[in-house]
Amino acid sequence: MGALELSLYLYPRMIPIHNLAPEDGFADAETGQLLMPPAVRCSFTRVELGGVYLVDNGRQCLLWFHSQASPNLISDLFGENKQSLKDLDAYTSSLPVLETHLNAQVRNVLESLKTVRGSKGMAVQLVWQGIDGAEFEFAGMLVEDRNNEAQS
């Protein structure tokens, strides 16, 4: 494992999806570089009520949904027929291709993360707060919490 890969594994990146700027996830007009959204510190204290977060440690990529995530946000990401967390398939490993701005932003960010990984494949695992046992994996990636197996 190289130094960059090790640093990402030890300190994952956590990107809030629920409040992306309109230009995040698209190429900069001047440079042509993808504008990545800013990451936040890996702690439950940074998790917002109703938020959705993409957490990547180089080996695993989680899309975590707060239990009060907005139905509009869920339908923007997964389609109009998906209004709540219970409408989503727990075994989904990618986002569908939709015409919504948010869906395009998140797919572009995921493609950028896949490119950085190189030959390593990347599947996205959906995690729901209070519903899914995989929430412990999310909590384990929040390395700034004193006890990263439970909320601070």
N, C-alpha and C. Protein backbone atom coordinates (compact mmCIF):
# COMPACT_ATOMS: atom_id res chain seq x y z
N MET A 1 0.85 -1.17 0.00
CA MET A 1 0.00 0.00 0.00
C MET A 1 0.90 1.24 0.00
N GLY A 2 0.66 2.15 -0.92
CA GLY A 2 1.45 3.36 -1.00
C GLY A 2 1.07 4.37 0.08
N ALA A 3 1.84 5.42 0.17
CA ALA A 3 1.62 6.42 1.22
C ALA A 3 0.26 7.12 1.08
N LEU A 4 -0.13 7.49 -0.15
CA LEU A 4 -1.42 8.15 -0.35
C LEU A 4 -2.58 7.22 -0.01
N GLU A 5 -2.46 5.97 -0.43
CA GLU A 5 -3.51 4.99 -0.15
C GLU A 5 -3.61 4.72 1.35
N LEU A 6 -2.47 4.63 2.01
CA LEU A 6 -2.46 4.40 3.45
C LEU A 6 -3.06 5.57 4.21
N SER A 7 -2.73 6.79 3.79
CA SER A 7 -3.27 7.96 4.49
C SER A 7 -4.78 8.03 4.34
N LEU A 8 -5.31 7.67 3.17
CA LEU A 8 -6.76 7.65 2.97
C LEU A 8 -7.40 6.55 3.79
N TYR A 9 -6.73 5.41 3.91
CA TYR A 9 -7.27 4.31 4.70
C TYR A 9 -7.32 4.68 6.19
N LEU A 10 -6.27 5.35 6.66
CA LEU A 10 -6.22 5.74 8.07
C LEU A 10 -7.11 6.94 8.38
N TYR A 11 -7.29 7.82 7.40
CA TYR A 11 -8.13 9.00 7.59
C TYR A 11 -9.04 9.16 6.36
N PRO A 12 -10.21 8.49 6.39
CA PRO A 12 -11.11 8.53 5.23
C PRO A 12 -11.60 9.94 4.93
N ARG A 13 -12.07 10.13 3.70
CA ARG A 13 -12.68 11.41 3.34
C ARG A 13 -14.19 11.27 3.47
N MET A 14 -14.82 12.31 4.02
CA MET A 14 -16.27 12.33 4.21
C MET A 14 -16.81 13.57 3.52
N ILE A 15 -17.65 13.34 2.51
CA ILE A 15 -18.17 14.43 1.69
C ILE A 15 -19.67 14.54 1.90
N PRO A 16 -20.15 15.71 2.37
CA PRO A 16 -21.60 15.89 2.49
C PRO A 16 -22.23 16.03 1.11
N ILE A 17 -23.23 15.21 0.85
CA ILE A 17 -23.90 15.20 -0.45
C ILE A 17 -25.13 16.11 -0.44
N HIS A 18 -25.71 16.30 0.73
CA HIS A 18 -26.98 17.03 0.84
C HIS A 18 -26.85 18.53 0.62
N ASN A 19 -25.66 19.08 0.69
CA ASN A 19 -25.51 20.52 0.49
C ASN A 19 -24.39 20.86 -0.49
N LEU A 20 -24.36 20.14 -1.61
CA LEU A 20 -23.36 20.43 -2.64
C LEU A 20 -23.64 21.77 -3.30
N ALA A 21 -22.58 22.49 -3.59
CA ALA A 21 -22.72 23.74 -4.36
C ALA A 21 -23.07 23.35 -5.80
N PRO A 22 -23.77 24.21 -6.54
CA PRO A 22 -24.19 23.87 -7.91
C PRO A 22 -23.04 23.48 -8.84
N GLU A 23 -21.85 24.03 -8.61
CA GLU A 23 -20.72 23.72 -9.49
C GLU A 23 -19.93 22.49 -9.06
N ASP A 24 -20.14 21.99 -7.84
CA ASP A 24 -19.43 20.81 -7.37
C ASP A 24 -19.77 19.60 -8.24
N GLY A 25 -18.75 18.81 -8.55
CA GLY A 25 -18.97 17.60 -9.33
C GLY A 25 -18.94 17.83 -10.83
N PHE A 26 -18.64 19.05 -11.26
CA PHE A 26 -18.55 19.35 -12.68
C PHE A 26 -17.19 19.98 -12.98
N ALA A 27 -16.81 19.97 -14.24
CA ALA A 27 -15.50 20.51 -14.63
C ALA A 27 -15.48 22.02 -14.52
N ASP A 28 -14.35 22.56 -14.07
CA ASP A 28 -14.13 23.99 -14.02
C ASP A 28 -13.98 24.50 -15.45
N ALA A 29 -14.66 25.60 -15.77
CA ALA A 29 -14.64 26.14 -17.14
C ALA A 29 -13.23 26.55 -17.57
N GLU A 30 -12.42 27.04 -16.64
CA GLU A 30 -11.08 27.52 -16.98
C GLU A 30 -10.06 26.39 -17.07
N THR A 31 -10.05 25.52 -16.07
CA THR A 31 -8.99 24.51 -15.99
C THR A 31 -9.41 23.16 -16.56
N GLY A 32 -10.70 22.90 -16.61
CA GLY A 32 -11.17 21.60 -17.07
C GLY A 32 -11.11 20.52 -16.00
N GLN A 33 -10.62 20.88 -14.82
CA GLN A 33 -10.52 19.95 -13.70
C GLN A 33 -11.87 19.81 -13.00
N LEU A 34 -12.17 18.61 -12.54
CA LEU A 34 -13.41 18.37 -11.80
C LEU A 34 -13.35 19.10 -10.47
N LEU A 35 -14.39 19.86 -10.16
CA LEU A 35 -14.46 20.55 -8.88
C LEU A 35 -15.01 19.58 -7.85
N MET A 36 -14.13 19.11 -6.99
CA MET A 36 -14.54 18.18 -5.93
C MET A 36 -15.15 18.97 -4.78
N PRO A 37 -16.23 18.47 -4.21
CA PRO A 37 -16.81 19.15 -3.06
C PRO A 37 -15.87 19.04 -1.86
N PRO A 38 -15.93 20.00 -0.95
CA PRO A 38 -15.04 19.94 0.21
C PRO A 38 -15.44 18.81 1.15
N ALA A 39 -14.45 18.16 1.70
CA ALA A 39 -14.68 17.10 2.68
C ALA A 39 -14.81 17.74 4.07
N VAL A 40 -15.46 17.03 4.97
CA VAL A 40 -15.58 17.48 6.35
C VAL A 40 -14.83 16.50 7.24
N ARG A 41 -14.58 16.90 8.46
CA ARG A 41 -13.85 16.05 9.40
C ARG A 41 -14.67 14.81 9.73
N CYS A 42 -14.00 13.71 9.92
CA CYS A 42 -14.65 12.42 10.14
C CYS A 42 -15.08 12.26 11.60
N SER A 43 -16.23 12.86 11.92
CA SER A 43 -16.75 12.81 13.28
C SER A 43 -18.26 12.92 13.25
N PHE A 44 -18.93 12.26 14.21
CA PHE A 44 -20.38 12.39 14.30
C PHE A 44 -20.79 13.82 14.61
N THR A 45 -19.90 14.61 15.18
CA THR A 45 -20.24 16.00 15.47
C THR A 45 -20.42 16.81 14.19
N ARG A 46 -19.89 16.33 13.07
CA ARG A 46 -20.02 17.02 11.77
C ARG A 46 -21.24 16.55 10.98
N VAL A 47 -21.90 15.50 11.46
CA VAL A 47 -23.07 14.95 10.77
C VAL A 47 -24.28 15.83 11.06
N GLU A 48 -24.93 16.29 9.99
CA GLU A 48 -26.10 17.16 10.13
C GLU A 48 -27.39 16.35 10.09
N LEU A 49 -28.39 16.86 10.78
CA LEU A 49 -29.72 16.26 10.79
C LEU A 49 -30.25 16.19 9.36
N GLY A 50 -30.64 15.01 8.90
CA GLY A 50 -31.16 14.85 7.54
C GLY A 50 -30.09 14.77 6.47
N GLY A 51 -28.84 14.67 6.85
CA GLY A 51 -27.74 14.69 5.89
C GLY A 51 -27.49 13.36 5.20
N VAL A 52 -26.79 13.45 4.08
CA VAL A 52 -26.33 12.28 3.33
C VAL A 52 -24.84 12.49 3.08
N TYR A 53 -24.04 11.47 3.39
CA TYR A 53 -22.59 11.60 3.32
C TYR A 53 -21.98 10.46 2.52
N LEU A 54 -20.99 10.80 1.73
CA LEU A 54 -20.19 9.83 1.01
C LEU A 54 -18.88 9.69 1.77
N VAL A 55 -18.57 8.48 2.24
CA VAL A 55 -17.36 8.24 3.01
C VAL A 55 -16.54 7.19 2.29
N ASP A 56 -15.27 7.54 2.02
CA ASP A 56 -14.39 6.67 1.24
C ASP A 56 -13.07 6.53 1.96
N ASN A 57 -12.64 5.27 2.17
CA ASN A 57 -11.33 5.04 2.78
C ASN A 57 -10.36 4.36 1.82
N GLY A 58 -10.68 4.36 0.54
CA GLY A 58 -9.81 3.75 -0.46
C GLY A 58 -10.09 2.27 -0.67
N ARG A 59 -10.73 1.64 0.26
CA ARG A 59 -11.08 0.22 0.14
C ARG A 59 -12.60 0.03 0.11
N GLN A 60 -13.30 0.93 0.75
CA GLN A 60 -14.75 0.82 0.87
C GLN A 60 -15.34 2.21 0.71
N CYS A 61 -16.47 2.30 0.03
CA CYS A 61 -17.15 3.56 -0.18
C CYS A 61 -18.60 3.41 0.31
N LEU A 62 -18.97 4.23 1.29
CA LEU A 62 -20.31 4.17 1.88
C LEU A 62 -21.08 5.43 1.54
N LEU A 63 -22.36 5.26 1.24
CA LEU A 63 -23.27 6.39 1.08
C LEU A 63 -24.23 6.28 2.25
N TRP A 64 -24.01 7.14 3.26
CA TRP A 64 -24.74 7.07 4.53
C TRP A 64 -25.89 8.07 4.53
N PHE A 65 -27.07 7.61 4.91
CA PHE A 65 -28.28 8.43 4.97
C PHE A 65 -28.71 8.60 6.42
N HIS A 66 -28.89 9.83 6.84
CA HIS A 66 -29.49 10.10 8.15
C HIS A 66 -30.93 9.61 8.11
N SER A 67 -31.45 9.20 9.23
CA SER A 67 -32.82 8.65 9.27
C SER A 67 -33.86 9.66 8.82
N GLN A 68 -33.54 10.96 8.88
CA GLN A 68 -34.49 11.99 8.46
C GLN A 68 -34.09 12.63 7.14
N ALA A 69 -33.43 11.86 6.28
CA ALA A 69 -33.03 12.39 4.97
C ALA A 69 -34.27 12.78 4.18
N SER A 70 -34.17 13.87 3.45
CA SER A 70 -35.28 14.43 2.70
C SER A 70 -35.74 13.49 1.59
N PRO A 71 -37.06 13.29 1.46
CA PRO A 71 -37.57 12.49 0.34
C PRO A 71 -37.17 13.06 -1.02
N ASN A 72 -37.08 14.39 -1.14
CA ASN A 72 -36.67 15.01 -2.39
C ASN A 72 -35.22 14.64 -2.75
N LEU A 73 -34.38 14.62 -1.74
CA LEU A 73 -32.98 14.27 -1.95
C LEU A 73 -32.87 12.81 -2.40
N ILE A 74 -33.62 11.93 -1.77
CA ILE A 74 -33.59 10.52 -2.13
C ILE A 74 -34.10 10.32 -3.56
N SER A 75 -35.19 11.02 -3.92
CA SER A 75 -35.71 10.86 -5.29
C SER A 75 -34.78 11.50 -6.32
N ASP A 76 -34.06 12.58 -5.96
CA ASP A 76 -33.08 13.16 -6.88
C ASP A 76 -31.93 12.20 -7.14
N LEU A 77 -31.56 11.41 -6.15
CA LEU A 77 -30.46 10.47 -6.31
C LEU A 77 -30.87 9.16 -6.97
N PHE A 78 -32.08 8.66 -6.66
CA PHE A 78 -32.45 7.31 -7.08
C PHE A 78 -33.69 7.22 -7.97
N GLY A 79 -34.38 8.32 -8.20
CA GLY A 79 -35.54 8.28 -9.08
C GLY A 79 -36.82 8.69 -8.36
N GLU A 80 -37.79 9.14 -9.16
CA GLU A 80 -39.04 9.66 -8.60
C GLU A 80 -39.83 8.64 -7.80
N ASN A 81 -39.69 7.36 -8.13
CA ASN A 81 -40.44 6.33 -7.41
C ASN A 81 -39.80 5.96 -6.07
N LYS A 82 -38.68 6.58 -5.75
CA LYS A 82 -38.00 6.34 -4.46
C LYS A 82 -38.17 7.58 -3.60
N GLN A 83 -39.01 7.48 -2.57
CA GLN A 83 -39.30 8.63 -1.72
C GLN A 83 -38.76 8.49 -0.31
N SER A 84 -38.44 7.27 0.12
CA SER A 84 -37.93 7.06 1.48
C SER A 84 -36.82 6.02 1.45
N LEU A 85 -36.16 5.87 2.57
CA LEU A 85 -35.07 4.91 2.66
C LEU A 85 -35.58 3.49 2.47
N LYS A 86 -36.80 3.22 2.87
CA LYS A 86 -37.37 1.88 2.75
C LYS A 86 -37.66 1.51 1.29
N ASP A 87 -37.73 2.51 0.40
CA ASP A 87 -37.94 2.25 -1.03
C ASP A 87 -36.67 1.81 -1.74
N LEU A 88 -35.52 2.00 -1.09
CA LEU A 88 -34.24 1.68 -1.72
C LEU A 88 -33.87 0.22 -1.51
N ASP A 89 -33.21 -0.35 -2.49
CA ASP A 89 -32.71 -1.71 -2.39
C ASP A 89 -31.39 -1.70 -1.63
N ALA A 90 -31.32 -2.48 -0.57
CA ALA A 90 -30.11 -2.50 0.27
C ALA A 90 -28.89 -3.01 -0.49
N TYR A 91 -29.10 -3.75 -1.57
CA TYR A 91 -27.99 -4.32 -2.32
C TYR A 91 -27.57 -3.47 -3.51
N THR A 92 -28.08 -2.26 -3.60
CA THR A 92 -27.67 -1.35 -4.67
C THR A 92 -26.20 -1.00 -4.48
N SER A 93 -25.42 -1.09 -5.56
CA SER A 93 -24.00 -0.78 -5.44
C SER A 93 -23.57 0.37 -6.34
N SER A 94 -24.55 1.02 -6.98
CA SER A 94 -24.24 2.17 -7.82
C SER A 94 -25.48 3.05 -7.93
N LEU A 95 -25.27 4.27 -8.40
CA LEU A 95 -26.40 5.17 -8.62
C LEU A 95 -26.95 4.98 -10.02
N PRO A 96 -28.27 5.06 -10.17
CA PRO A 96 -28.82 5.00 -11.52
C PRO A 96 -28.49 6.30 -12.27
N VAL A 97 -28.51 6.24 -13.58
CA VAL A 97 -28.26 7.44 -14.39
C VAL A 97 -29.60 8.15 -14.55
N LEU A 98 -29.69 9.34 -13.95
CA LEU A 98 -30.90 10.14 -14.00
C LEU A 98 -30.58 11.52 -14.56
N GLU A 99 -31.62 12.29 -14.87
CA GLU A 99 -31.46 13.63 -15.43
C GLU A 99 -31.35 14.71 -14.37
N THR A 100 -31.31 14.34 -13.09
CA THR A 100 -31.27 15.37 -12.04
C THR A 100 -29.84 15.89 -11.84
N HIS A 101 -29.75 17.13 -11.43
CA HIS A 101 -28.46 17.78 -11.21
C HIS A 101 -27.67 17.07 -10.11
N LEU A 102 -28.34 16.75 -9.00
CA LEU A 102 -27.66 16.10 -7.87
C LEU A 102 -27.14 14.72 -8.27
N ASN A 103 -27.92 13.96 -9.00
CA ASN A 103 -27.50 12.65 -9.44
C ASN A 103 -26.24 12.76 -10.30
N ALA A 104 -26.21 13.71 -11.22
CA ALA A 104 -25.03 13.90 -12.07
C ALA A 104 -23.82 14.30 -11.24
N GLN A 105 -24.02 15.18 -10.27
CA GLN A 105 -22.91 15.61 -9.42
C GLN A 105 -22.30 14.42 -8.68
N VAL A 106 -23.14 13.63 -8.05
CA VAL A 106 -22.65 12.51 -7.24
C VAL A 106 -22.01 11.45 -8.13
N ARG A 107 -22.59 11.15 -9.28
CA ARG A 107 -21.98 10.19 -10.20
C ARG A 107 -20.61 10.67 -10.66
N ASN A 108 -20.47 11.97 -10.95
CA ASN A 108 -19.17 12.51 -11.37
C ASN A 108 -18.14 12.40 -10.25
N VAL A 109 -18.55 12.68 -9.03
CA VAL A 109 -17.64 12.56 -7.88
C VAL A 109 -17.21 11.10 -7.72
N LEU A 110 -18.16 10.18 -7.83
CA LEU A 110 -17.83 8.75 -7.71
C LEU A 110 -16.88 8.31 -8.81
N GLU A 111 -17.10 8.79 -10.03
CA GLU A 111 -16.19 8.45 -11.13
C GLU A 111 -14.79 8.98 -10.88
N SER A 112 -14.70 10.18 -10.31
CA SER A 112 -13.40 10.74 -9.98
C SER A 112 -12.69 9.90 -8.93
N LEU A 113 -13.43 9.46 -7.92
CA LEU A 113 -12.85 8.61 -6.87
C LEU A 113 -12.39 7.28 -7.46
N LYS A 114 -13.15 6.72 -8.39
CA LYS A 114 -12.76 5.46 -9.05
C LYS A 114 -11.48 5.65 -9.83
N THR A 115 -11.34 6.78 -10.51
CA THR A 115 -10.14 7.06 -11.30
C THR A 115 -8.92 7.14 -10.40
N VAL A 116 -9.06 7.77 -9.26
CA VAL A 116 -7.93 7.90 -8.32
C VAL A 116 -7.50 6.54 -7.81
N ARG A 117 -8.46 5.63 -7.64
CA ARG A 117 -8.14 4.29 -7.15
C ARG A 117 -7.35 3.47 -8.14
N GLY A 118 -7.43 3.79 -9.40
CA GLY A 118 -6.73 3.02 -10.41
C GLY A 118 -7.43 1.70 -10.69
N SER A 119 -6.72 0.60 -10.51
CA SER A 119 -7.26 -0.71 -10.87
C SER A 119 -8.22 -1.28 -9.84
N LYS A 120 -8.27 -0.70 -8.66
CA LYS A 120 -9.15 -1.21 -7.63
C LYS A 120 -10.60 -0.85 -7.95
N GLY A 121 -11.46 -1.83 -7.92
CA GLY A 121 -12.87 -1.57 -8.17
C GLY A 121 -13.51 -0.83 -7.01
N MET A 122 -14.62 -0.18 -7.29
CA MET A 122 -15.30 0.54 -6.22
C MET A 122 -16.80 0.34 -6.37
N ALA A 123 -17.38 -0.24 -5.36
CA ALA A 123 -18.83 -0.35 -5.28
C ALA A 123 -19.28 0.54 -4.13
N VAL A 124 -20.43 1.13 -4.28
CA VAL A 124 -20.97 2.01 -3.24
C VAL A 124 -21.95 1.19 -2.41
N GLN A 125 -21.75 1.21 -1.11
CA GLN A 125 -22.66 0.51 -0.21
C GLN A 125 -23.56 1.54 0.46
N LEU A 126 -24.87 1.31 0.38
CA LEU A 126 -25.83 2.20 1.03
C LEU A 126 -25.95 1.83 2.50
N VAL A 127 -25.99 2.87 3.35
CA VAL A 127 -26.10 2.66 4.80
C VAL A 127 -27.16 3.60 5.32
N TRP A 128 -28.10 3.07 6.10
CA TRP A 128 -29.18 3.88 6.67
C TRP A 128 -29.02 3.96 8.17
N GLN A 129 -29.13 5.15 8.72
CA GLN A 129 -29.02 5.33 10.16
C GLN A 129 -30.18 4.65 10.86
N GLY A 130 -29.86 3.86 11.86
CA GLY A 130 -30.86 3.23 12.68
C GLY A 130 -31.58 2.06 12.04
N ILE A 131 -31.30 1.76 10.78
CA ILE A 131 -32.00 0.67 10.08
C ILE A 131 -31.01 -0.44 9.72
N ASP A 132 -29.80 -0.05 9.38
CA ASP A 132 -28.84 -0.95 8.77
C ASP A 132 -27.70 -1.30 9.73
N GLY A 133 -27.33 -2.58 9.77
CA GLY A 133 -26.20 -3.00 10.58
C GLY A 133 -24.87 -2.48 10.05
N ALA A 134 -24.84 -2.11 8.78
CA ALA A 134 -23.61 -1.56 8.19
C ALA A 134 -23.27 -0.18 8.75
N GLU A 135 -24.16 0.35 9.58
CA GLU A 135 -23.86 1.64 10.20
C GLU A 135 -22.63 1.56 11.09
N PHE A 136 -22.31 0.38 11.60
CA PHE A 136 -21.10 0.21 12.40
C PHE A 136 -19.85 0.42 11.55
N GLU A 137 -19.92 0.05 10.27
CA GLU A 137 -18.80 0.31 9.37
C GLU A 137 -18.62 1.81 9.16
N PHE A 138 -19.74 2.52 9.03
CA PHE A 138 -19.69 3.98 8.91
C PHE A 138 -19.07 4.57 10.17
N ALA A 139 -19.55 4.12 11.33
CA ALA A 139 -19.02 4.65 12.59
C ALA A 139 -17.54 4.35 12.74
N GLY A 140 -17.09 3.20 12.23
CA GLY A 140 -15.68 2.86 12.30
C GLY A 140 -14.80 3.76 11.46
N MET A 141 -15.39 4.38 10.42
CA MET A 141 -14.63 5.30 9.57
C MET A 141 -14.55 6.70 10.16
N LEU A 142 -15.31 6.97 11.18
CA LEU A 142 -15.29 8.29 11.82
C LEU A 142 -14.18 8.30 12.86
N VAL A 143 -12.96 8.45 12.38
CA VAL A 143 -11.77 8.25 13.18
C VAL A 143 -11.52 9.34 14.21
N GLU A 144 -12.19 10.47 14.11
CA GLU A 144 -11.96 11.54 15.07
C GLU A 144 -12.77 11.37 16.36
N ASP A 145 -13.72 10.46 16.35
CA ASP A 145 -14.50 10.22 17.56
C ASP A 145 -13.67 9.40 18.53
N ARG A 146 -13.82 9.71 19.80
CA ARG A 146 -13.05 9.02 20.83
C ARG A 146 -13.32 7.52 20.79
N ASN A 147 -14.59 7.17 20.72
CA ASN A 147 -14.99 5.76 20.59
C ASN A 147 -15.68 5.65 19.25
N ASN A 148 -14.95 5.31 18.20
CA ASN A 148 -15.53 5.36 16.88
C ASN A 148 -16.44 4.18 16.55
N GLU A 149 -16.91 3.48 17.54
CA GLU A 149 -17.93 2.46 17.33
C GLU A 149 -19.30 2.96 17.77
N ALA A 150 -19.35 4.14 18.40
CA ALA A 150 -20.63 4.69 18.87
C ALA A 150 -20.64 6.20 18.63
N GLN A 151 -21.80 6.77 18.58
CA GLN A 151 -21.90 8.20 18.35
C GLN A 151 -21.32 8.96 19.54
N SER A 152 -20.69 10.09 19.22
CA SER A 152 -20.12 10.91 20.29
C SER A 152 -21.18 11.80 20.88
